[in-house]
Amino acid sequence: MEKQMCIYYDEEGDYLTLFVGDSKPNYGEEIDDDITLFRDNKTNEIIGIGILNFRERAKSLQDIEIKLPFKVNFSAL
């Protein structure tokens, strides 16, 4: 099943979020410093990820290249 992806970057907060599929109630689970997985409230399925201090982690936002279309598989996390 193909799902849409929503990517949002808050420059002031230096926070990147990536969600796959329709918006639904969720909760966050911190898995590492500044890394949060978002899970569906009902199914516990991973539906997104948040990265604080993204610019520091990416070193340069110009270094990020995304080739579309692509598939995301959160099941390995």
PDB file of N, CA and C in Angstrom:
ATOM      1  N   MET A   1       0.832  -1.169   0.000  1.00  0.00           N
ATOM      2  CA  MET A   1       0.000   0.000   0.000  1.00  0.00           C
ATOM      3  C   MET A   1       0.885   1.243   0.000  1.00  0.00           C
ATOM      4  N   GLU A   2       0.584   2.171  -0.894  1.00  0.00           N
ATOM      5  CA  GLU A   2       1.336   3.408  -0.948  1.00  0.00           C
ATOM      6  C   GLU A   2       0.705   4.419  -0.012  1.00  0.00           C
ATOM      7  N   LYS A   3       1.558   5.170   0.677  1.00  0.00           N
ATOM      8  CA  LYS A   3       1.094   6.191   1.604  1.00  0.00           C
ATOM      9  C   LYS A   3       1.806   7.488   1.306  1.00  0.00           C
ATOM     10  N   GLN A   4       1.162   8.578   1.633  1.00  0.00           N
ATOM     11  CA  GLN A   4       1.792   9.883   1.457  1.00  0.00           C
ATOM     12  C   GLN A   4       2.716  10.169   2.628  1.00  0.00           C
ATOM     13  N   MET A   5       3.687  11.023   2.379  1.00  0.00           N
ATOM     14  CA  MET A   5       4.634  11.402   3.414  1.00  0.00           C
ATOM     15  C   MET A   5       4.541  12.907   3.648  1.00  0.00           C
ATOM     16  N   CYS A   6       4.635  13.292   4.912  1.00  0.00           N
ATOM     17  CA  CYS A   6       4.640  14.700   5.276  1.00  0.00           C
ATOM     18  C   CYS A   6       5.953  14.990   5.988  1.00  0.00           C
ATOM     19  N   ILE A   7       6.724  15.906   5.436  1.00  0.00           N
ATOM     20  CA  ILE A   7       8.003  16.301   6.032  1.00  0.00           C
ATOM     21  C   ILE A   7       7.890  17.775   6.409  1.00  0.00           C
ATOM     22  N   TYR A   8       8.250  18.083   7.645  1.00  0.00           N
ATOM     23  CA  TYR A   8       8.201  19.464   8.103  1.00  0.00           C
ATOM     24  C   TYR A   8       9.484  19.775   8.870  1.00  0.00           C
ATOM     25  N   TYR A   9      10.075  20.918   8.559  1.00  0.00           N
ATOM     26  CA  TYR A   9      11.273  21.359   9.268  1.00  0.00           C
ATOM     27  C   TYR A   9      10.991  22.699   9.918  1.00  0.00           C
ATOM     28  N   ASP A  10      11.138  22.770  11.238  1.00  0.00           N
ATOM     29  CA  ASP A  10      10.999  24.001  11.999  1.00  0.00           C
ATOM     30  C   ASP A  10      12.398  24.579  12.167  1.00  0.00           C
ATOM     31  N   GLU A  11      12.709  25.603  11.378  1.00  0.00           N
ATOM     32  CA  GLU A  11      14.063  26.165  11.388  1.00  0.00           C
ATOM     33  C   GLU A  11      14.414  26.783  12.732  1.00  0.00           C
ATOM     34  N   GLU A  12      13.466  27.495  13.343  1.00  0.00           N
ATOM     35  CA  GLU A  12      13.737  28.141  14.625  1.00  0.00           C
ATOM     36  C   GLU A  12      14.030  27.112  15.714  1.00  0.00           C
ATOM     37  N   GLY A  13      13.263  26.053  15.750  1.00  0.00           N
ATOM     38  CA  GLY A  13      13.462  25.006  16.750  1.00  0.00           C
ATOM     39  C   GLY A  13      14.457  23.941  16.321  1.00  0.00           C
ATOM     40  N   ASP A  14      14.900  23.999  15.053  1.00  0.00           N
ATOM     41  CA  ASP A  14      15.810  23.013  14.463  1.00  0.00           C
ATOM     42  C   ASP A  14      15.287  21.599  14.687  1.00  0.00           C
ATOM     43  N   TYR A  15      14.019  21.408  14.268  1.00  0.00           N
ATOM     44  CA  TYR A  15      13.338  20.129  14.493  1.00  0.00           C
ATOM     45  C   TYR A  15      12.708  19.658  13.192  1.00  0.00           C
ATOM     46  N   LEU A  16      13.055  18.442  12.779  1.00  0.00           N
ATOM     47  CA  LEU A  16      12.520  17.836  11.564  1.00  0.00           C
ATOM     48  C   LEU A  16      11.549  16.731  11.950  1.00  0.00           C
ATOM     49  N   THR A  17      10.385  16.725  11.319  1.00  0.00           N
ATOM     50  CA  THR A  17       9.460  15.605  11.509  1.00  0.00           C
ATOM     51  C   THR A  17       9.137  15.003  10.160  1.00  0.00           C
ATOM     52  N   LEU A  18       8.950  13.698  10.165  1.00  0.00           N
ATOM     53  CA  LEU A  18       8.582  12.949   8.979  1.00  0.00           C
ATOM     54  C   LEU A  18       7.477  11.992   9.394  1.00  0.00           C
ATOM     55  N   PHE A  19       6.319  12.113   8.764  1.00  0.00           N
ATOM     56  CA  PHE A  19       5.197  11.217   9.037  1.00  0.00           C
ATOM     57  C   PHE A  19       4.785  10.535   7.743  1.00  0.00           C
ATOM     58  N   VAL A  20       4.384   9.270   7.841  1.00  0.00           N
ATOM     59  CA  VAL A  20       3.928   8.505   6.702  1.00  0.00           C
ATOM     60  C   VAL A  20       2.466   8.142   6.927  1.00  0.00           C
ATOM     61  N   GLY A  21       1.647   8.377   5.908  1.00  0.00           N
ATOM     62  CA  GLY A  21       0.231   8.038   5.989  1.00  0.00           C
ATOM     63  C   GLY A  21      -0.613   9.189   6.479  1.00  0.00           C
ATOM     64  N   ASP A  22      -1.883   8.895   6.702  1.00  0.00           N
ATOM     65  CA  ASP A  22      -2.831   9.902   7.154  1.00  0.00           C
ATOM     66  C   ASP A  22      -2.529  10.325   8.581  1.00  0.00           C
ATOM     67  N   SER A  23      -2.871  11.574   8.887  1.00  0.00           N
ATOM     68  CA  SER A  23      -2.693  12.085  10.246  1.00  0.00           C
ATOM     69  C   SER A  23      -3.635  11.336  11.183  1.00  0.00           C
ATOM     70  N   LYS A  24      -3.103  10.911  12.327  1.00  0.00           N
ATOM     71  CA  LYS A  24      -3.907  10.190  13.307  1.00  0.00           C
ATOM     72  C   LYS A  24      -3.341  10.430  14.693  1.00  0.00           C
ATOM     73  N   PRO A  25      -4.143  10.209  15.728  1.00  0.00           N
ATOM     74  CA  PRO A  25      -3.637  10.390  17.097  1.00  0.00           C
ATOM     75  C   PRO A  25      -2.409   9.518  17.333  1.00  0.00           C
ATOM     76  N   ASN A  26      -1.389  10.103  17.969  1.00  0.00           N
ATOM     77  CA  ASN A  26      -0.140   9.371  18.162  1.00  0.00           C
ATOM     78  C   ASN A  26       0.529   9.812  19.446  1.00  0.00           C
ATOM     79  N   TYR A  27       1.571   9.080  19.796  1.00  0.00           N
ATOM     80  CA  TYR A  27       2.396   9.446  20.941  1.00  0.00           C
ATOM     81  C   TYR A  27       3.858   9.277  20.554  1.00  0.00           C
ATOM     82  N   GLY A  28       4.732   9.995  21.250  1.00  0.00           N
ATOM     83  CA  GLY A  28       6.152   9.941  20.955  1.00  0.00           C
ATOM     84  C   GLY A  28       6.908   9.100  21.962  1.00  0.00           C
ATOM     85  N   GLU A  29       7.917   8.425  21.472  1.00  0.00           N
ATOM     86  CA  GLU A  29       8.792   7.582  22.304  1.00  0.00           C
ATOM     87  C   GLU A  29      10.238   7.956  21.976  1.00  0.00           C
ATOM     88  N   GLU A  30      10.948   8.539  22.942  1.00  0.00           N
ATOM     89  CA  GLU A  30      12.336   8.934  22.693  1.00  0.00           C
ATOM     90  C   GLU A  30      13.201   7.677  22.661  1.00  0.00           C
ATOM     91  N   ILE A  31      13.893   7.484  21.536  1.00  0.00           N
ATOM     92  CA  ILE A  31      14.720   6.279  21.385  1.00  0.00           C
ATOM     93  C   ILE A  31      16.203   6.574  21.506  1.00  0.00           C
ATOM     94  N   ASP A  32      16.566   7.853  21.438  1.00  0.00           N
ATOM     95  CA  ASP A  32      17.962   8.273  21.545  1.00  0.00           C
ATOM     96  C   ASP A  32      17.933   9.769  21.836  1.00  0.00           C
ATOM     97  N   ASP A  33      19.084  10.335  22.171  1.00  0.00           N
ATOM     98  CA  ASP A  33      19.128  11.773  22.383  1.00  0.00           C
ATOM     99  C   ASP A  33      18.587  12.481  21.140  1.00  0.00           C
ATOM    100  N   ASP A  34      17.560  13.287  21.325  1.00  0.00           N
ATOM    101  CA  ASP A  34      16.980  14.121  20.272  1.00  0.00           C
ATOM    102  C   ASP A  34      16.253  13.353  19.170  1.00  0.00           C
ATOM    103  N   ILE A  35      16.021  12.053  19.326  1.00  0.00           N
ATOM    104  CA  ILE A  35      15.319  11.262  18.319  1.00  0.00           C
ATOM    105  C   ILE A  35      14.043  10.691  18.939  1.00  0.00           C
ATOM    106  N   THR A  36      12.910  10.985  18.307  1.00  0.00           N
ATOM    107  CA  THR A  36      11.619  10.515  18.800  1.00  0.00           C
ATOM    108  C   THR A  36      10.906   9.739  17.704  1.00  0.00           C
ATOM    109  N   LEU A  37      10.409   8.551  18.050  1.00  0.00           N
ATOM    110  CA  LEU A  37       9.536   7.796  17.150  1.00  0.00           C
ATOM    111  C   LEU A  37       8.108   8.119  17.526  1.00  0.00           C
ATOM    112  N   PHE A  38       7.263   8.286  16.548  1.00  0.00           N
ATOM    113  CA  PHE A  38       5.846   8.521  16.789  1.00  0.00           C
ATOM    114  C   PHE A  38       5.075   7.264  16.413  1.00  0.00           C
ATOM    115  N   ARG A  39       4.213   6.829  17.341  1.00  0.00           N
ATOM    116  CA  ARG A  39       3.442   5.601  17.144  1.00  0.00           C
ATOM    117  C   ARG A  39       1.950   5.896  17.166  1.00  0.00           C
ATOM    118  N   ASP A  40       1.218   5.151  16.354  1.00  0.00           N
ATOM    119  CA  ASP A  40      -0.234   5.241  16.321  1.00  0.00           C
ATOM    120  C   ASP A  40      -0.797   4.830  17.687  1.00  0.00           C
ATOM    121  N   ASN A  41      -1.693   5.648  18.248  1.00  0.00           N
ATOM    122  CA  ASN A  41      -2.279   5.346  19.562  1.00  0.00           C
ATOM    123  C   ASN A  41      -2.987   4.001  19.604  1.00  0.00           C
ATOM    124  N   LYS A  42      -3.652   3.618  18.517  1.00  0.00           N
ATOM    125  CA  LYS A  42      -4.451   2.381  18.511  1.00  0.00           C
ATOM    126  C   LYS A  42      -3.629   1.144  18.169  1.00  0.00           C
ATOM    127  N   THR A  43      -2.784   1.238  17.154  1.00  0.00           N
ATOM    128  CA  THR A  43      -2.092   0.046  16.650  1.00  0.00           C
ATOM    129  C   THR A  43      -0.656  -0.080  17.150  1.00  0.00           C
ATOM    130  N   ASN A  44      -0.115   0.998  17.707  1.00  0.00           N
ATOM    131  CA  ASN A  44       1.279   1.034  18.158  1.00  0.00           C
ATOM    132  C   ASN A  44       2.280   1.005  16.991  1.00  0.00           C
ATOM    133  N   GLU A  45       1.774   1.085  15.763  1.00  0.00           N
ATOM    134  CA  GLU A  45       2.617   1.085  14.573  1.00  0.00           C
ATOM    135  C   GLU A  45       3.403   2.395  14.497  1.00  0.00           C
ATOM    136  N   ILE A  46       4.661   2.325  14.091  1.00  0.00           N
ATOM    137  CA  ILE A  46       5.477   3.522  13.908  1.00  0.00           C
ATOM    138  C   ILE A  46       4.957   4.264  12.680  1.00  0.00           C
ATOM    139  N   ILE A  47       4.621   5.546  12.872  1.00  0.00           N
ATOM    140  CA  ILE A  47       4.084   6.346  11.767  1.00  0.00           C
ATOM    141  C   ILE A  47       4.942   7.582  11.471  1.00  0.00           C
ATOM    142  N   GLY A  48       5.977   7.813  12.295  1.00  0.00           N
ATOM    143  CA  GLY A  48       6.796   8.990  12.050  1.00  0.00           C
ATOM    144  C   GLY A  48       8.025   9.029  12.928  1.00  0.00           C
ATOM    145  N   ILE A  49       8.846  10.035  12.652  1.00  0.00           N
ATOM    146  CA  ILE A  49      10.070  10.231  13.410  1.00  0.00           C
ATOM    147  C   ILE A  49      10.312  11.736  13.545  1.00  0.00           C
ATOM    148  N   GLY A  50      10.871  12.146  14.667  1.00  0.00           N
ATOM    149  CA  GLY A  50      11.239  13.535  14.889  1.00  0.00           C
ATOM    150  C   GLY A  50      12.704  13.615  15.264  1.00  0.00           C
ATOM    151  N   ILE A  51      13.400  14.609  14.732  1.00  0.00           N
ATOM    152  CA  ILE A  51      14.830  14.759  14.995  1.00  0.00           C
ATOM    153  C   ILE A  51      15.101  16.190  15.439  1.00  0.00           C
ATOM    154  N   LEU A  52      15.467  16.337  16.706  1.00  0.00           N
ATOM    155  CA  LEU A  52      15.841  17.633  17.261  1.00  0.00           C
ATOM    156  C   LEU A  52      17.304  17.900  16.936  1.00  0.00           C
ATOM    157  N   ASN A  53      17.670  19.158  16.797  1.00  0.00           N
ATOM    158  CA  ASN A  53      19.037  19.542  16.404  1.00  0.00           C
ATOM    159  C   ASN A  53      19.405  18.924  15.059  1.00  0.00           C
ATOM    160  N   PHE A  54      18.447  18.958  14.148  1.00  0.00           N
ATOM    161  CA  PHE A  54      18.620  18.326  12.845  1.00  0.00           C
ATOM    162  C   PHE A  54      19.767  18.938  12.052  1.00  0.00           C
ATOM    163  N   ARG A  55      19.871  20.253  12.070  1.00  0.00           N
ATOM    164  CA  ARG A  55      20.926  20.916  11.284  1.00  0.00           C
ATOM    165  C   ARG A  55      22.309  20.424  11.711  1.00  0.00           C
ATOM    166  N   GLU A  56      22.516  20.303  13.016  1.00  0.00           N
ATOM    167  CA  GLU A  56      23.805  19.815  13.523  1.00  0.00           C
ATOM    168  C   GLU A  56      24.058  18.385  13.048  1.00  0.00           C
ATOM    169  N   ARG A  57      23.023  17.573  13.088  1.00  0.00           N
ATOM    170  CA  ARG A  57      23.179  16.175  12.661  1.00  0.00           C
ATOM    171  C   ARG A  57      23.422  16.068  11.159  1.00  0.00           C
ATOM    172  N   ALA A  58      22.809  16.945  10.378  1.00  0.00           N
ATOM    173  CA  ALA A  58      22.945  16.898   8.920  1.00  0.00           C
ATOM    174  C   ALA A  58      24.193  17.636   8.436  1.00  0.00           C
ATOM    175  N   LYS A  59      24.813  18.429   9.324  1.00  0.00           N
ATOM    176  CA  LYS A  59      26.001  19.241   9.027  1.00  0.00           C
ATOM    177  C   LYS A  59      25.687  20.338   8.022  1.00  0.00           C
ATOM    178  N   SER A  60      25.028  20.021   6.950  1.00  0.00           N
ATOM    179  CA  SER A  60      24.610  21.021   5.978  1.00  0.00           C
ATOM    180  C   SER A  60      23.321  20.543   5.340  1.00  0.00           C
ATOM    181  N   LEU A  61      22.300  21.360   5.404  1.00  0.00           N
ATOM    182  CA  LEU A  61      21.030  20.956   4.800  1.00  0.00           C
ATOM    183  C   LEU A  61      21.172  20.750   3.304  1.00  0.00           C
ATOM    184  N   GLN A  62      22.203  21.323   2.692  1.00  0.00           N
ATOM    185  CA  GLN A  62      22.426  21.137   1.268  1.00  0.00           C
ATOM    186  C   GLN A  62      22.955  19.737   0.957  1.00  0.00           C
ATOM    187  N   ASP A  63      23.445  19.029   1.982  1.00  0.00           N
ATOM    188  CA  ASP A  63      23.964  17.682   1.771  1.00  0.00           C
ATOM    189  C   ASP A  63      22.864  16.626   1.720  1.00  0.00           C
ATOM    190  N   ILE A  64      21.649  17.034   2.010  1.00  0.00           N
ATOM    191  CA  ILE A  64      20.557  16.075   2.055  1.00  0.00           C
ATOM    192  C   ILE A  64      19.944  15.966   0.673  1.00  0.00           C
ATOM    193  N   GLU A  65      19.900  14.752   0.178  1.00  0.00           N
ATOM    194  CA  GLU A  65      19.339  14.509  -1.135  1.00  0.00           C
ATOM    195  C   GLU A  65      18.328  13.387  -0.995  1.00  0.00           C
ATOM    196  N   ILE A  66      17.139  13.617  -1.477  1.00  0.00           N
ATOM    197  CA  ILE A  66      16.102  12.600  -1.435  1.00  0.00           C
ATOM    198  C   ILE A  66      15.660  12.336  -2.862  1.00  0.00           C
ATOM    199  N   LYS A  67      15.757  11.104  -3.267  1.00  0.00           N
ATOM    200  CA  LYS A  67      15.313  10.725  -4.598  1.00  0.00           C
ATOM    201  C   LYS A  67      13.905  10.167  -4.480  1.00  0.00           C
ATOM    202  N   LEU A  68      12.994  10.735  -5.231  1.00  0.00           N
ATOM    203  CA  LEU A  68      11.593  10.329  -5.176  1.00  0.00           C
ATOM    204  C   LEU A  68      11.250   9.548  -6.421  1.00  0.00           C
ATOM    205  N   PRO A  69      10.342   8.605  -6.349  1.00  0.00           N
ATOM    206  CA  PRO A  69       9.701   8.099  -5.137  1.00  0.00           C
ATOM    207  C   PRO A  69      10.630   7.158  -4.387  1.00  0.00           C
ATOM    208  N   PHE A  70      10.340   6.973  -3.125  1.00  0.00           N
ATOM    209  CA  PHE A  70      11.101   6.037  -2.317  1.00  0.00           C
ATOM    210  C   PHE A  70      10.174   5.401  -1.301  1.00  0.00           C
ATOM    211  N   LYS A  71      10.621   4.323  -0.713  1.00  0.00           N
ATOM    212  CA  LYS A  71       9.826   3.602   0.281  1.00  0.00           C
ATOM    213  C   LYS A  71      10.430   3.767   1.662  1.00  0.00           C
ATOM    214  N   VAL A  72       9.574   3.844   2.660  1.00  0.00           N
ATOM    215  CA  VAL A  72      10.018   3.953   4.040  1.00  0.00           C
ATOM    216  C   VAL A  72       9.533   2.724   4.774  1.00  0.00           C
ATOM    217  N   ASN A  73      10.439   2.074   5.511  1.00  0.00           N
ATOM    218  CA  ASN A  73      10.075   0.900   6.288  1.00  0.00           C
ATOM    219  C   ASN A  73      10.534   1.116   7.722  1.00  0.00           C
ATOM    220  N   PHE A  74       9.573   1.451   8.601  1.00  0.00           N
ATOM    221  CA  PHE A  74       9.887   1.682   9.992  1.00  0.00           C
ATOM    222  C   PHE A  74       9.928   0.380  10.797  1.00  0.00           C
ATOM    223  N   SER A  75       9.564  -0.732  10.193  1.00  0.00           N
ATOM    224  CA  SER A  75       9.457  -1.984  10.949  1.00  0.00           C
ATOM    225  C   SER A  75      10.801  -2.462  11.486  1.00  0.00           C
ATOM    226  N   ALA A  76      11.904  -2.002  10.901  1.00  0.00           N
ATOM    227  CA  ALA A  76      13.220  -2.417  11.355  1.00  0.00           C
ATOM    228  C   ALA A  76      13.645  -1.672  12.618  1.00  0.00           C
ATOM    229  N   LEU A  77      12.928  -0.615  12.995  1.00  0.00           N
ATOM    230  CA  LEU A  77      13.298   0.180  14.162  1.00  0.00           C
ATOM    231  C   LEU A  77      12.738  -0.399  15.431  1.00  0.00           C
TER     232      LEU A  77
END
